[in-house]
Amino acid sequence: MALKITEDCIACDACLPKCPNNAISEGNPYIIDPDLCTECEGFFPTPQCAEVCPVDACLKA
């Protein structure tokens, strides 16, 4: 299951370098490619975009 970024996104760039699959791209709001997002499974115990998002805009789709 992939995560999504809500309209609450403030485009702060905190999530971009944290994604091990490069699934996040710039947009308004930022966009998570569901074909690339693994919720960081195999890399981290929790989705890193959600961990670093200051406005909690990364949610399960």
PDB file of N, CA and C in Angstrom:
ATOM      1  N   MET A   1       0.851  -1.183   0.000  1.00  0.00           N
ATOM      2  CA  MET A   1       0.000   0.000   0.000  1.00  0.00           C
ATOM      3  C   MET A   1       0.889   1.236   0.000  1.00  0.00           C
ATOM      4  N   ALA A   2       0.539   2.217  -0.746  1.00  0.00           N
ATOM      5  CA  ALA A   2       1.317   3.443  -0.834  1.00  0.00           C
ATOM      6  C   ALA A   2       0.747   4.520   0.079  1.00  0.00           C
ATOM      7  N   LEU A   3       1.589   5.478   0.388  1.00  0.00           N
ATOM      8  CA  LEU A   3       1.147   6.652   1.126  1.00  0.00           C
ATOM      9  C   LEU A   3       0.730   7.717   0.123  1.00  0.00           C
ATOM     10  N   LYS A   4       0.044   8.739   0.619  1.00  0.00           N
ATOM     11  CA  LYS A   4      -0.295   9.882  -0.222  1.00  0.00           C
ATOM     12  C   LYS A   4       0.028  11.142   0.564  1.00  0.00           C
ATOM     13  N   ILE A   5       0.169  12.234  -0.133  1.00  0.00           N
ATOM     14  CA  ILE A   5       0.440  13.523   0.494  1.00  0.00           C
ATOM     15  C   ILE A   5      -0.815  14.374   0.327  1.00  0.00           C
ATOM     16  N   THR A   6      -1.305  14.892   1.438  1.00  0.00           N
ATOM     17  CA  THR A   6      -2.551  15.655   1.434  1.00  0.00           C
ATOM     18  C   THR A   6      -2.317  17.116   1.049  1.00  0.00           C
ATOM     19  N   GLU A   7      -3.411  17.837   0.928  1.00  0.00           N
ATOM     20  CA  GLU A   7      -3.371  19.265   0.608  1.00  0.00           C
ATOM     21  C   GLU A   7      -2.709  20.093   1.718  1.00  0.00           C
ATOM     22  N   ASP A   8      -2.501  19.490   2.879  1.00  0.00           N
ATOM     23  CA  ASP A   8      -1.827  20.192   3.983  1.00  0.00           C
ATOM     24  C   ASP A   8      -0.343  20.387   3.733  1.00  0.00           C
ATOM     25  N   CYS A   9       0.195  19.751   2.708  1.00  0.00           N
ATOM     26  CA  CYS A   9       1.615  19.835   2.371  1.00  0.00           C
ATOM     27  C   CYS A   9       2.034  21.295   2.179  1.00  0.00           C
ATOM     28  N   ILE A  10       3.156  21.659   2.812  1.00  0.00           N
ATOM     29  CA  ILE A  10       3.682  23.024   2.690  1.00  0.00           C
ATOM     30  C   ILE A  10       4.929  23.076   1.803  1.00  0.00           C
ATOM     31  N   ALA A  11       5.223  21.985   1.106  1.00  0.00           N
ATOM     32  CA  ALA A  11       6.356  21.898   0.184  1.00  0.00           C
ATOM     33  C   ALA A  11       7.671  22.296   0.847  1.00  0.00           C
ATOM     34  N   CYS A  12       7.908  21.762   2.031  1.00  0.00           N
ATOM     35  CA  CYS A  12       9.113  22.116   2.786  1.00  0.00           C
ATOM     36  C   CYS A  12      10.342  21.317   2.368  1.00  0.00           C
ATOM     37  N   ASP A  13      10.172  20.281   1.564  1.00  0.00           N
ATOM     38  CA  ASP A  13      11.246  19.420   1.077  1.00  0.00           C
ATOM     39  C   ASP A  13      11.793  18.441   2.108  1.00  0.00           C
ATOM     40  N   ALA A  14      11.228  18.357   3.285  1.00  0.00           N
ATOM     41  CA  ALA A  14      11.755  17.451   4.312  1.00  0.00           C
ATOM     42  C   ALA A  14      11.661  15.990   3.878  1.00  0.00           C
ATOM     43  N   CYS A  15      10.627  15.638   3.149  1.00  0.00           N
ATOM     44  CA  CYS A  15      10.401  14.243   2.775  1.00  0.00           C
ATOM     45  C   CYS A  15      11.258  13.772   1.598  1.00  0.00           C
ATOM     46  N   LEU A  16      11.580  14.656   0.689  1.00  0.00           N
ATOM     47  CA  LEU A  16      12.272  14.256  -0.540  1.00  0.00           C
ATOM     48  C   LEU A  16      13.536  13.437  -0.292  1.00  0.00           C
ATOM     49  N   PRO A  17      14.475  13.888   0.515  1.00  0.00           N
ATOM     50  CA  PRO A  17      15.706  13.108   0.694  1.00  0.00           C
ATOM     51  C   PRO A  17      15.531  11.870   1.568  1.00  0.00           C
ATOM     52  N   LYS A  18      14.420  11.745   2.252  1.00  0.00           N
ATOM     53  CA  LYS A  18      14.188  10.613   3.154  1.00  0.00           C
ATOM     54  C   LYS A  18      13.629   9.379   2.457  1.00  0.00           C
ATOM     55  N   CYS A  19      13.046   9.542   1.278  1.00  0.00           N
ATOM     56  CA  CYS A  19      12.411   8.429   0.582  1.00  0.00           C
ATOM     57  C   CYS A  19      13.464   7.520  -0.062  1.00  0.00           C
ATOM     58  N   PRO A  20      13.570   6.258   0.398  1.00  0.00           N
ATOM     59  CA  PRO A  20      14.585   5.360  -0.165  1.00  0.00           C
ATOM     60  C   PRO A  20      14.263   4.883  -1.584  1.00  0.00           C
ATOM     61  N   ASN A  21      13.031   5.096  -2.029  1.00  0.00           N
ATOM     62  CA  ASN A  21      12.618   4.653  -3.360  1.00  0.00           C
ATOM     63  C   ASN A  21      12.467   5.791  -4.358  1.00  0.00           C
ATOM     64  N   ASN A  22      12.783   7.009  -3.949  1.00  0.00           N
ATOM     65  CA  ASN A  22      12.608   8.181  -4.809  1.00  0.00           C
ATOM     66  C   ASN A  22      11.193   8.238  -5.374  1.00  0.00           C
ATOM     67  N   ALA A  23      10.205   7.942  -4.517  1.00  0.00           N
ATOM     68  CA  ALA A  23       8.807   7.905  -4.941  1.00  0.00           C
ATOM     69  C   ALA A  23       8.117   9.259  -4.842  1.00  0.00           C
ATOM     70  N   ILE A  24       8.773  10.243  -4.244  1.00  0.00           N
ATOM     71  CA  ILE A  24       8.153  11.551  -4.027  1.00  0.00           C
ATOM     72  C   ILE A  24       8.657  12.536  -5.069  1.00  0.00           C
ATOM     73  N   SER A  25       7.726  13.271  -5.667  1.00  0.00           N
ATOM     74  CA  SER A  25       8.111  14.296  -6.635  1.00  0.00           C
ATOM     75  C   SER A  25       7.415  15.605  -6.284  1.00  0.00           C
ATOM     76  N   GLU A  26       8.013  16.688  -6.767  1.00  0.00           N
ATOM     77  CA  GLU A  26       7.467  18.004  -6.472  1.00  0.00           C
ATOM     78  C   GLU A  26       6.155  18.208  -7.200  1.00  0.00           C
ATOM     79  N   GLY A  27       5.266  18.912  -6.546  1.00  0.00           N
ATOM     80  CA  GLY A  27       3.967  19.246  -7.083  1.00  0.00           C
ATOM     81  C   GLY A  27       3.278  20.118  -6.057  1.00  0.00           C
ATOM     82  N   ASN A  28       2.021  20.336  -6.215  1.00  0.00           N
ATOM     83  CA  ASN A  28       1.294  21.132  -5.240  1.00  0.00           C
ATOM     84  C   ASN A  28      -0.019  20.432  -4.915  1.00  0.00           C
ATOM     85  N   PRO A  29      -0.093  19.573  -3.939  1.00  0.00           N
ATOM     86  CA  PRO A  29       0.968  19.187  -3.009  1.00  0.00           C
ATOM     87  C   PRO A  29       1.959  18.229  -3.675  1.00  0.00           C
ATOM     88  N   TYR A  30       3.018  17.884  -2.949  1.00  0.00           N
ATOM     89  CA  TYR A  30       3.954  16.899  -3.467  1.00  0.00           C
ATOM     90  C   TYR A  30       3.192  15.615  -3.765  1.00  0.00           C
ATOM     91  N   ILE A  31       3.769  14.771  -4.592  1.00  0.00           N
ATOM     92  CA  ILE A  31       3.098  13.569  -5.065  1.00  0.00           C
ATOM     93  C   ILE A  31       3.941  12.340  -4.732  1.00  0.00           C
ATOM     94  N   ILE A  32       3.284  11.277  -4.257  1.00  0.00           N
ATOM     95  CA  ILE A  32       3.953  10.000  -4.037  1.00  0.00           C
ATOM     96  C   ILE A  32       3.491   9.038  -5.120  1.00  0.00           C
ATOM     97  N   ASP A  33       4.432   8.501  -5.870  1.00  0.00           N
ATOM     98  CA  ASP A  33       4.111   7.537  -6.929  1.00  0.00           C
ATOM     99  C   ASP A  33       3.754   6.204  -6.260  1.00  0.00           C
ATOM    100  N   PRO A  34       2.507   5.755  -6.385  1.00  0.00           N
ATOM    101  CA  PRO A  34       2.094   4.518  -5.722  1.00  0.00           C
ATOM    102  C   PRO A  34       2.807   3.275  -6.250  1.00  0.00           C
ATOM    103  N   ASP A  35       3.350   3.354  -7.458  1.00  0.00           N
ATOM    104  CA  ASP A  35       4.086   2.220  -8.012  1.00  0.00           C
ATOM    105  C   ASP A  35       5.472   2.086  -7.396  1.00  0.00           C
ATOM    106  N   LEU A  36       5.997   3.169  -6.824  1.00  0.00           N
ATOM    107  CA  LEU A  36       7.321   3.151  -6.223  1.00  0.00           C
ATOM    108  C   LEU A  36       7.299   3.086  -4.700  1.00  0.00           C
ATOM    109  N   CYS A  37       6.234   3.584  -4.095  1.00  0.00           N
ATOM    110  CA  CYS A  37       6.156   3.652  -2.633  1.00  0.00           C
ATOM    111  C   CYS A  37       5.943   2.268  -2.023  1.00  0.00           C
ATOM    112  N   THR A  38       6.811   1.933  -1.069  1.00  0.00           N
ATOM    113  CA  THR A  38       6.690   0.666  -0.333  1.00  0.00           C
ATOM    114  C   THR A  38       6.452   0.922   1.151  1.00  0.00           C
ATOM    115  N   GLU A  39       6.135   2.174   1.508  1.00  0.00           N
ATOM    116  CA  GLU A  39       6.002   2.598   2.903  1.00  0.00           C
ATOM    117  C   GLU A  39       7.292   2.303   3.672  1.00  0.00           C
ATOM    118  N   CYS A  40       8.410   2.329   2.956  1.00  0.00           N
ATOM    119  CA  CYS A  40       9.762   2.122   3.488  1.00  0.00           C
ATOM    120  C   CYS A  40       9.998   0.699   3.985  1.00  0.00           C
ATOM    121  N   GLU A  41       9.099  -0.217   3.645  1.00  0.00           N
ATOM    122  CA  GLU A  41       9.268  -1.609   4.055  1.00  0.00           C
ATOM    123  C   GLU A  41      10.577  -2.159   3.506  1.00  0.00           C
ATOM    124  N   GLY A  42      11.334  -2.784   4.351  1.00  0.00           N
ATOM    125  CA  GLY A  42      12.632  -3.313   3.960  1.00  0.00           C
ATOM    126  C   GLY A  42      13.768  -2.323   4.169  1.00  0.00           C
ATOM    127  N   PHE A  43      13.426  -1.076   4.444  1.00  0.00           N
ATOM    128  CA  PHE A  43      14.433  -0.043   4.685  1.00  0.00           C
ATOM    129  C   PHE A  43      14.370   0.481   6.113  1.00  0.00           C
ATOM    130  N   PHE A  44      13.152   0.824   6.561  1.00  0.00           N
ATOM    131  CA  PHE A  44      12.931   1.430   7.869  1.00  0.00           C
ATOM    132  C   PHE A  44      11.681   0.821   8.499  1.00  0.00           C
ATOM    133  N   PRO A  45      11.565   0.883   9.821  1.00  0.00           N
ATOM    134  CA  PRO A  45      10.373   0.319  10.466  1.00  0.00           C
ATOM    135  C   PRO A  45       9.102   1.138  10.260  1.00  0.00           C
ATOM    136  N   THR A  46       9.235   2.408   9.896  1.00  0.00           N
ATOM    137  CA  THR A  46       8.083   3.275   9.658  1.00  0.00           C
ATOM    138  C   THR A  46       8.334   4.120   8.414  1.00  0.00           C
ATOM    139  N   PRO A  47       7.287   4.579   7.748  1.00  0.00           N
ATOM    140  CA  PRO A  47       7.457   5.449   6.575  1.00  0.00           C
ATOM    141  C   PRO A  47       8.183   6.743   6.965  1.00  0.00           C
ATOM    142  N   GLN A  48       9.291   6.985   6.316  1.00  0.00           N
ATOM    143  CA  GLN A  48      10.121   8.123   6.679  1.00  0.00           C
ATOM    144  C   GLN A  48       9.519   9.472   6.307  1.00  0.00           C
ATOM    145  N   CYS A  49       8.736   9.534   5.251  1.00  0.00           N
ATOM    146  CA  CYS A  49       8.103  10.808   4.889  1.00  0.00           C
ATOM    147  C   CYS A  49       7.154  11.244   5.998  1.00  0.00           C
ATOM    148  N   ALA A  50       6.415  10.294   6.542  1.00  0.00           N
ATOM    149  CA  ALA A  50       5.487  10.607   7.629  1.00  0.00           C
ATOM    150  C   ALA A  50       6.239  11.004   8.895  1.00  0.00           C
ATOM    151  N   GLU A  51       7.398  10.393   9.130  1.00  0.00           N
ATOM    152  CA  GLU A  51       8.193  10.700  10.319  1.00  0.00           C
ATOM    153  C   GLU A  51       8.710  12.137  10.311  1.00  0.00           C
ATOM    154  N   VAL A  52       9.106  12.639   9.143  1.00  0.00           N
ATOM    155  CA  VAL A  52       9.735  13.961   9.080  1.00  0.00           C
ATOM    156  C   VAL A  52       8.786  15.091   8.695  1.00  0.00           C
ATOM    157  N   CYS A  53       7.577  14.771   8.274  1.00  0.00           N
ATOM    158  CA  CYS A  53       6.641  15.811   7.832  1.00  0.00           C
ATOM    159  C   CYS A  53       6.189  16.684   9.001  1.00  0.00           C
ATOM    160  N   PRO A  54       6.450  17.989   8.936  1.00  0.00           N
ATOM    161  CA  PRO A  54       6.097  18.875  10.039  1.00  0.00           C
ATOM    162  C   PRO A  54       4.594  19.163  10.163  1.00  0.00           C
ATOM    163  N   VAL A  55       3.828  18.860   9.123  1.00  0.00           N
ATOM    164  CA  VAL A  55       2.393  19.133   9.155  1.00  0.00           C
ATOM    165  C   VAL A  55       1.549  17.862   9.021  1.00  0.00           C
ATOM    166  N   ASP A  56       2.176  16.713   9.168  1.00  0.00           N
ATOM    167  CA  ASP A  56       1.494  15.416   9.082  1.00  0.00           C
ATOM    168  C   ASP A  56       0.675  15.258   7.803  1.00  0.00           C
ATOM    169  N   ALA A  57       1.293  15.591   6.684  1.00  0.00           N
ATOM    170  CA  ALA A  57       0.602  15.522   5.394  1.00  0.00           C
ATOM    171  C   ALA A  57       0.775  14.172   4.683  1.00  0.00           C
ATOM    172  N   CYS A  58       1.630  13.295   5.177  1.00  0.00           N
ATOM    173  CA  CYS A  58       1.841  11.990   4.569  1.00  0.00           C
ATOM    174  C   CYS A  58       0.982  10.964   5.288  1.00  0.00           C
ATOM    175  N   LEU A  59      -0.004  10.429   4.582  1.00  0.00           N
ATOM    176  CA  LEU A  59      -0.961   9.497   5.172  1.00  0.00           C
ATOM    177  C   LEU A  59      -1.117   8.260   4.318  1.00  0.00           C
ATOM    178  N   LYS A  60      -1.637   7.193   4.908  1.00  0.00           N
ATOM    179  CA  LYS A  60      -1.933   5.998   4.128  1.00  0.00           C
ATOM    180  C   LYS A  60      -3.032   6.303   3.132  1.00  0.00           C
ATOM    181  N   ALA A  61      -2.856   5.817   1.927  1.00  0.00           N
ATOM    182  CA  ALA A  61      -3.821   6.084   0.848  1.00  0.00           C
ATOM    183  C   ALA A  61      -5.102   5.310   1.044  1.00  0.00           C
TER     184      ALA A  61
END
